[in-house]
């Protein structure tokens, strides 16, 4: 069973990487929330368990304050413990069915995919949405090979049983191409967290998203 929250997935999905932030991750997250981000994935894989829990709890406080959702990368039990909205899983994470058993039907479960086969497998196991990457060249996704490109994104989106977020090197200027390809939204890291002003970067990204969605609906 997929989550009922899937019916109103936001068009912008912020993924964290504290190494790309000059002024502190929590401050950057709050700036992004002020700018309009309404779904965040806490993806700090190398933090010790105690530090991750503390960061997750503080991030959850911020997302609750701004009416946003918080997903944890791979940590279903911690998500359940602190009351996060869900998890983002991948090939090295716990099985989707296990996460669903832990979190229940209301939770959002995203899956990090790099092929249509992975998306279909995730859908069959109960994921709510997928990210597909890397669309463009980006250091954060270099381990997954060369960029997939817009045509691969288009092909996947039109065959996918799940809503798909495009991820990997996407800037505000490229948002239109991503929506034309069929993505339900964009997932970003450096476009917001690497910006001098994360709030302004978020506002610009959302403005481009709104314009792109309007254009593709006409």
C-alpha atoms as a PDB file:
ATOM      1  CA  UNK A   1       0.000   0.000   0.000  1.00  0.00           C
ATOM      2  CA  UNK A   2       1.372   3.391  -0.958  1.00  0.00           C
ATOM      3  CA  UNK A   3       1.085   6.461   1.222  1.00  0.00           C
ATOM      4  CA  UNK A   4      -1.929   8.789   0.800  1.00  0.00           C
ATOM      5  CA  UNK A   5       0.580  11.658   0.985  1.00  0.00           C
ATOM      6  CA  UNK A   6       1.685  10.843  -2.556  1.00  0.00           C
ATOM      7  CA  UNK A   7      -1.282  12.754  -4.004  1.00  0.00           C
ATOM      8  CA  UNK A   8       0.325  16.087  -3.149  1.00  0.00           C
ATOM      9  CA  UNK A   9       4.046  15.538  -3.547  1.00  0.00           C
ATOM     10  CA  UNK A  10       5.893  18.873  -3.693  1.00  0.00           C
ATOM     11  CA  UNK A  11       7.676  19.798  -6.913  1.00  0.00           C
ATOM     12  CA  UNK A  12      10.974  20.580  -5.149  1.00  0.00           C
ATOM     13  CA  UNK A  13      12.845  18.036  -3.036  1.00  0.00           C
ATOM     14  CA  UNK A  14      15.920  19.205  -1.110  1.00  0.00           C
ATOM     15  CA  UNK A  15      18.601  16.652  -0.254  1.00  0.00           C
ATOM     16  CA  UNK A  16      21.184  17.595   2.350  1.00  0.00           C
ATOM     17  CA  UNK A  17      24.962  17.499   2.195  1.00  0.00           C
ATOM     18  CA  UNK A  18      26.580  19.462   4.977  1.00  0.00           C
ATOM     19  CA  UNK A  19      29.886  19.579   3.077  1.00  0.00           C
ATOM     20  CA  UNK A  20      28.345  21.945   0.559  1.00  0.00           C
ATOM     21  CA  UNK A  21      27.204  24.454   3.161  1.00  0.00           C
ATOM     22  CA  UNK A  22      29.469  27.254   4.309  1.00  0.00           C
ATOM     23  CA  UNK A  23      27.319  28.645   7.129  1.00  0.00           C
ATOM     24  CA  UNK A  24      25.963  25.561   8.920  1.00  0.00           C
ATOM     25  CA  UNK A  25      23.517  22.948   7.696  1.00  0.00           C
ATOM     26  CA  UNK A  26      20.594  23.757   9.994  1.00  0.00           C
ATOM     27  CA  UNK A  27      20.796  27.428   9.097  1.00  0.00           C
ATOM     28  CA  UNK A  28      20.824  26.588   5.400  1.00  0.00           C
ATOM     29  CA  UNK A  29      17.876  24.226   5.839  1.00  0.00           C
ATOM     30  CA  UNK A  30      15.855  26.914   7.576  1.00  0.00           C
ATOM     31  CA  UNK A  31      16.694  29.398   4.832  1.00  0.00           C
ATOM     32  CA  UNK A  32      15.481  26.894   2.241  1.00  0.00           C
ATOM     33  CA  UNK A  33      12.295  26.314   4.230  1.00  0.00           C
ATOM     34  CA  UNK A  34      11.710  30.053   4.392  1.00  0.00           C
ATOM     35  CA  UNK A  35      12.171  30.106   0.633  1.00  0.00           C
ATOM     36  CA  UNK A  36       9.466  27.494   0.120  1.00  0.00           C
ATOM     37  CA  UNK A  37      11.010  24.018   0.284  1.00  0.00           C
ATOM     38  CA  UNK A  38       8.410  21.596   1.617  1.00  0.00           C
ATOM     39  CA  UNK A  39      10.205  18.248   1.509  1.00  0.00           C
ATOM     40  CA  UNK A  40      13.720  17.483   2.723  1.00  0.00           C
ATOM     41  CA  UNK A  41      15.796  14.339   2.740  1.00  0.00           C
ATOM     42  CA  UNK A  42      18.413  14.236   5.501  1.00  0.00           C
ATOM     43  CA  UNK A  43      21.300  12.468   3.763  1.00  0.00           C
ATOM     44  CA  UNK A  44      24.327  12.546   6.053  1.00  0.00           C
ATOM     45  CA  UNK A  45      25.486   8.976   5.691  1.00  0.00           C
ATOM     46  CA  UNK A  46      28.781   9.230   7.541  1.00  0.00           C
ATOM     47  CA  UNK A  47      27.508  10.738  10.796  1.00  0.00           C
ATOM     48  CA  UNK A  48      27.733   8.611  13.945  1.00  0.00           C
ATOM     49  CA  UNK A  49      24.343   7.335  15.104  1.00  0.00           C
ATOM     50  CA  UNK A  50      24.050   9.709  18.066  1.00  0.00           C
ATOM     51  CA  UNK A  51      24.985  12.748  15.983  1.00  0.00           C
ATOM     52  CA  UNK A  52      22.593  11.728  13.218  1.00  0.00           C
ATOM     53  CA  UNK A  53      19.730  11.350  15.657  1.00  0.00           C
ATOM     54  CA  UNK A  54      20.400  14.773  17.155  1.00  0.00           C
ATOM     55  CA  UNK A  55      20.575  16.370  13.721  1.00  0.00           C
ATOM     56  CA  UNK A  56      17.428  14.558  12.598  1.00  0.00           C
ATOM     57  CA  UNK A  57      15.497  15.753  15.645  1.00  0.00           C
ATOM     58  CA  UNK A  58      16.566  19.362  15.090  1.00  0.00           C
ATOM     59  CA  UNK A  59      15.752  19.143  11.398  1.00  0.00           C
ATOM     60  CA  UNK A  60      12.343  17.685  12.221  1.00  0.00           C
ATOM     61  CA  UNK A  61      11.623  20.646  14.491  1.00  0.00           C
ATOM     62  CA  UNK A  62      12.355  22.986  11.594  1.00  0.00           C
ATOM     63  CA  UNK A  63      10.258  21.078   9.080  1.00  0.00           C
ATOM     64  CA  UNK A  64       7.325  20.987  11.476  1.00  0.00           C
ATOM     65  CA  UNK A  65       7.633  24.723  12.025  1.00  0.00           C
ATOM     66  CA  UNK A  66       7.309  25.362   8.279  1.00  0.00           C
ATOM     67  CA  UNK A  67       4.803  22.645   7.430  1.00  0.00           C
ATOM     68  CA  UNK A  68       7.326  20.574   5.490  1.00  0.00           C
ATOM     69  CA  UNK A  69       8.069  16.855   5.371  1.00  0.00           C
ATOM     70  CA  UNK A  70      11.256  15.175   6.513  1.00  0.00           C
ATOM     71  CA  UNK A  71      12.563  11.922   5.070  1.00  0.00           C
ATOM     72  CA  UNK A  72      15.666  10.183   6.397  1.00  0.00           C
ATOM     73  CA  UNK A  73      18.091   8.459   4.090  1.00  0.00           C
ATOM     74  CA  UNK A  74      18.000   4.742   4.789  1.00  0.00           C
ATOM     75  CA  UNK A  75      17.149   4.874   8.500  1.00  0.00           C
ATOM     76  CA  UNK A  76      13.624   3.522   8.837  1.00  0.00           C
ATOM     77  CA  UNK A  77      13.896   2.724  12.548  1.00  0.00           C
ATOM     78  CA  UNK A  78      15.216   6.187  13.378  1.00  0.00           C
ATOM     79  CA  UNK A  79      12.494   7.750  11.231  1.00  0.00           C
ATOM     80  CA  UNK A  80       9.887   5.837  13.211  1.00  0.00           C
ATOM     81  CA  UNK A  81      11.526   6.729  16.514  1.00  0.00           C
ATOM     82  CA  UNK A  82      11.525  10.481  15.961  1.00  0.00           C
ATOM     83  CA  UNK A  83       8.306  10.657  13.953  1.00  0.00           C
ATOM     84  CA  UNK A  84       9.751  11.650  10.579  1.00  0.00           C
ATOM     85  CA  UNK A  85       7.507  11.490   7.517  1.00  0.00           C
ATOM     86  CA  UNK A  86       9.362   8.692   5.766  1.00  0.00           C
ATOM     87  CA  UNK A  87      12.581   7.451   4.245  1.00  0.00           C
ATOM     88  CA  UNK A  88      14.576   7.487   1.038  1.00  0.00           C
ATOM     89  CA  UNK A  89      15.920   4.035   0.232  1.00  0.00           C
ATOM     90  CA  UNK A  90      18.320   2.585  -2.316  1.00  0.00           C
ATOM     91  CA  UNK A  91      19.969  -0.613  -3.361  1.00  0.00           C
ATOM     92  CA  UNK A  92      22.133  -0.678  -0.210  1.00  0.00           C
ATOM     93  CA  UNK A  93      19.305   0.202   2.198  1.00  0.00           C
ATOM     94  CA  UNK A  94      16.859  -2.024   4.021  1.00  0.00           C
ATOM     95  CA  UNK A  95      14.132  -3.557   1.809  1.00  0.00           C
ATOM     96  CA  UNK A  96      11.149  -1.364   0.980  1.00  0.00           C
ATOM     97  CA  UNK A  97       8.778  -3.902   2.520  1.00  0.00           C
ATOM     98  CA  UNK A  98      10.747  -3.827   5.781  1.00  0.00           C
ATOM     99  CA  UNK A  99      10.617  -0.041   5.906  1.00  0.00           C
ATOM    100  CA  UNK A 100       6.870  -0.129   5.253  1.00  0.00           C
ATOM    101  CA  UNK A 101       6.370  -2.599   8.105  1.00  0.00           C
ATOM    102  CA  UNK A 102       8.338  -0.311  10.423  1.00  0.00           C
ATOM    103  CA  UNK A 103       6.796   2.995   9.341  1.00  0.00           C
ATOM    104  CA  UNK A 104       3.248   2.033   8.397  1.00  0.00           C
ATOM    105  CA  UNK A 105       1.018   2.983   5.468  1.00  0.00           C
ATOM    106  CA  UNK A 106       1.079   6.730   6.135  1.00  0.00           C
ATOM    107  CA  UNK A 107       4.827   7.109   5.619  1.00  0.00           C
ATOM    108  CA  UNK A 108       6.416   8.261   2.393  1.00  0.00           C
ATOM    109  CA  UNK A 109       8.973   5.914   0.890  1.00  0.00           C
ATOM    110  CA  UNK A 110      11.179   7.141  -1.915  1.00  0.00           C
ATOM    111  CA  UNK A 111      13.608   5.000  -3.878  1.00  0.00           C
ATOM    112  CA  UNK A 112      16.860   6.144  -5.472  1.00  0.00           C
ATOM    113  CA  UNK A 113      16.868   4.552  -8.934  1.00  0.00           C
ATOM    114  CA  UNK A 114      19.233   4.601 -11.875  1.00  0.00           C
ATOM    115  CA  UNK A 115      17.190   2.541 -14.340  1.00  0.00           C
ATOM    116  CA  UNK A 116      13.594   1.748 -15.285  1.00  0.00           C
ATOM    117  CA  UNK A 117      14.021  -1.785 -13.978  1.00  0.00           C
ATOM    118  CA  UNK A 118      14.880  -0.412 -10.540  1.00  0.00           C
ATOM    119  CA  UNK A 119      11.871   1.902 -10.603  1.00  0.00           C
ATOM    120  CA  UNK A 120       9.507  -0.932 -11.518  1.00  0.00           C
ATOM    121  CA  UNK A 121      10.956  -3.162  -8.802  1.00  0.00           C
ATOM    122  CA  UNK A 122      10.546  -0.378  -6.259  1.00  0.00           C
ATOM    123  CA  UNK A 123       6.932   0.167  -7.310  1.00  0.00           C
ATOM    124  CA  UNK A 124       6.174  -3.528  -6.979  1.00  0.00           C
ATOM    125  CA  UNK A 125       7.507  -3.486  -3.428  1.00  0.00           C
ATOM    126  CA  UNK A 126       5.467  -0.474  -2.334  1.00  0.00           C
ATOM    127  CA  UNK A 127       7.586   2.640  -2.894  1.00  0.00           C
ATOM    128  CA  UNK A 128       5.696   5.909  -3.333  1.00  0.00           C
ATOM    129  CA  UNK A 129       8.055   7.723  -5.677  1.00  0.00           C
ATOM    130  CA  UNK A 130      11.506   7.475  -7.201  1.00  0.00           C
ATOM    131  CA  UNK A 131      14.442   9.724  -7.883  1.00  0.00           C
ATOM    132  CA  UNK A 132      16.310   9.141 -11.134  1.00  0.00           C
ATOM    133  CA  UNK A 133      19.925  10.179 -11.458  1.00  0.00           C
ATOM    134  CA  UNK A 134      22.274  11.545 -12.496  1.00  0.00           C
ATOM    135  CA  UNK A 135      20.598  13.655 -15.156  1.00  0.00           C
ATOM    136  CA  UNK A 136      23.554  16.016 -15.533  1.00  0.00           C
ATOM    137  CA  UNK A 137      27.141  15.770 -14.381  1.00  0.00           C
ATOM    138  CA  UNK A 138      27.516  16.222 -10.631  1.00  0.00           C
ATOM    139  CA  UNK A 139      30.152  15.258  -8.083  1.00  0.00           C
ATOM    140  CA  UNK A 140      27.579  13.918  -5.602  1.00  0.00           C
ATOM    141  CA  UNK A 141      26.459  11.244  -8.089  1.00  0.00           C
ATOM    142  CA  UNK A 142      29.778  10.520  -9.834  1.00  0.00           C
ATOM    143  CA  UNK A 143      29.882   6.984  -8.412  1.00  0.00           C
ATOM    144  CA  UNK A 144      26.773   6.102 -10.438  1.00  0.00           C
ATOM    145  CA  UNK A 145      28.422   6.683 -13.787  1.00  0.00           C
ATOM    146  CA  UNK A 146      28.074   9.261 -16.552  1.00  0.00           C
ATOM    147  CA  UNK A 147      25.010  11.514 -16.807  1.00  0.00           C
ATOM    148  CA  UNK A 148      21.831   9.776 -17.956  1.00  0.00           C
ATOM    149  CA  UNK A 149      20.636  12.807 -19.916  1.00  0.00           C
ATOM    150  CA  UNK A 150      17.210  14.183 -20.729  1.00  0.00           C
ATOM    151  CA  UNK A 151      16.238  11.519 -23.239  1.00  0.00           C
ATOM    152  CA  UNK A 152      16.776   8.759 -20.684  1.00  0.00           C
ATOM    153  CA  UNK A 153      14.728  10.763 -18.184  1.00  0.00           C
ATOM    154  CA  UNK A 154      11.944  11.210 -20.736  1.00  0.00           C
ATOM    155  CA  UNK A 155      11.886   7.512 -21.617  1.00  0.00           C
ATOM    156  CA  UNK A 156      11.810   6.506 -17.964  1.00  0.00           C
ATOM    157  CA  UNK A 157       9.129   8.998 -16.907  1.00  0.00           C
ATOM    158  CA  UNK A 158       6.761   7.866 -19.653  1.00  0.00           C
ATOM    159  CA  UNK A 159       7.175   4.206 -18.663  1.00  0.00           C
ATOM    160  CA  UNK A 160       7.391   4.630 -14.891  1.00  0.00           C
ATOM    161  CA  UNK A 161       4.615   3.400 -12.592  1.00  0.00           C
ATOM    162  CA  UNK A 162       5.812   5.932  -9.991  1.00  0.00           C
ATOM    163  CA  UNK A 163       6.188   9.717  -9.890  1.00  0.00           C
ATOM    164  CA  UNK A 164       9.813  10.526 -10.701  1.00  0.00           C
ATOM    165  CA  UNK A 165      12.038  13.288  -9.365  1.00  0.00           C
ATOM    166  CA  UNK A 166      14.941  14.237 -11.621  1.00  0.00           C
ATOM    167  CA  UNK A 167      18.206  14.470  -9.698  1.00  0.00           C
ATOM    168  CA  UNK A 168      21.776  15.357 -10.499  1.00  0.00           C
ATOM    169  CA  UNK A 169      23.312  18.690 -11.433  1.00  0.00           C
ATOM    170  CA  UNK A 170      19.989  20.433 -12.040  1.00  0.00           C
ATOM    171  CA  UNK A 171      20.005  24.229 -11.925  1.00  0.00           C
ATOM    172  CA  UNK A 172      17.128  26.684 -12.145  1.00  0.00           C
ATOM    173  CA  UNK A 173      17.868  27.214 -15.825  1.00  0.00           C
ATOM    174  CA  UNK A 174      17.381  23.494 -16.548  1.00  0.00           C
ATOM    175  CA  UNK A 175      14.093  23.045 -14.718  1.00  0.00           C
ATOM    176  CA  UNK A 176      11.975  23.555 -17.828  1.00  0.00           C
ATOM    177  CA  UNK A 177      13.690  20.739 -19.725  1.00  0.00           C
ATOM    178  CA  UNK A 178      13.190  18.383 -16.789  1.00  0.00           C
ATOM    179  CA  UNK A 179       9.440  19.011 -16.632  1.00  0.00           C
ATOM    180  CA  UNK A 180       9.053  18.698 -20.390  1.00  0.00           C
ATOM    181  CA  UNK A 181      10.688  15.275 -20.021  1.00  0.00           C
ATOM    182  CA  UNK A 182       7.904  14.244 -17.643  1.00  0.00           C
ATOM    183  CA  UNK A 183       9.399  14.514 -14.158  1.00  0.00           C
ATOM    184  CA  UNK A 184       7.010  15.231 -11.290  1.00  0.00           C
ATOM    185  CA  UNK A 185       9.627  17.437  -9.693  1.00  0.00           C
ATOM    186  CA  UNK A 186      13.288  18.191  -9.188  1.00  0.00           C
ATOM    187  CA  UNK A 187      15.569  17.005  -6.415  1.00  0.00           C
ATOM    188  CA  UNK A 188      18.572  19.198  -5.697  1.00  0.00           C
ATOM    189  CA  UNK A 189      21.542  19.525  -3.396  1.00  0.00           C
ATOM    190  CA  UNK A 190      24.117  22.075  -4.528  1.00  0.00           C
ATOM    191  CA  UNK A 191      21.665  24.321  -6.393  1.00  0.00           C
ATOM    192  CA  UNK A 192      20.355  25.385  -2.981  1.00  0.00           C
ATOM    193  CA  UNK A 193      22.854  24.350  -0.317  1.00  0.00           C
ATOM    194  CA  UNK A 194      25.839  25.499  -2.361  1.00  0.00           C
ATOM    195  CA  UNK A 195      24.324  28.920  -2.981  1.00  0.00           C
ATOM    196  CA  UNK A 196      25.459  32.044  -1.159  1.00  0.00           C
ATOM    197  CA  UNK A 197      21.812  32.680  -0.248  1.00  0.00           C
ATOM    198  CA  UNK A 198      19.883  29.381   0.045  1.00  0.00           C
ATOM    199  CA  UNK A 199      16.578  31.180   0.550  1.00  0.00           C
ATOM    200  CA  UNK A 200      16.954  33.224  -2.619  1.00  0.00           C
ATOM    201  CA  UNK A 201      18.144  30.151  -4.540  1.00  0.00           C
ATOM    202  CA  UNK A 202      15.050  28.273  -3.377  1.00  0.00           C
ATOM    203  CA  UNK A 203      12.728  31.082  -4.390  1.00  0.00           C
ATOM    204  CA  UNK A 204      14.327  31.264  -7.834  1.00  0.00           C
ATOM    205  CA  UNK A 205      14.080  27.519  -8.288  1.00  0.00           C
ATOM    206  CA  UNK A 206      10.404  27.486  -7.313  1.00  0.00           C
ATOM    207  CA  UNK A 207       9.686  30.403  -9.614  1.00  0.00           C
ATOM    208  CA  UNK A 208      11.219  28.497 -12.514  1.00  0.00           C
ATOM    209  CA  UNK A 209       9.270  25.379 -11.528  1.00  0.00           C
ATOM    210  CA  UNK A 210       5.982  27.294 -11.510  1.00  0.00           C
ATOM    211  CA  UNK A 211       6.699  28.796 -14.903  1.00  0.00           C
ATOM    212  CA  UNK A 212       7.722  25.427 -16.331  1.00  0.00           C
ATOM    213  CA  UNK A 213       4.652  23.621 -15.011  1.00  0.00           C
ATOM    214  CA  UNK A 214       2.420  26.330 -16.418  1.00  0.00           C
ATOM    215  CA  UNK A 215       4.092  26.051 -19.818  1.00  0.00           C
ATOM    216  CA  UNK A 216       3.876  22.264 -19.959  1.00  0.00           C
ATOM    217  CA  UNK A 217       0.186  22.300 -18.975  1.00  0.00           C
ATOM    218  CA  UNK A 218      -0.811  24.584 -21.844  1.00  0.00           C
END
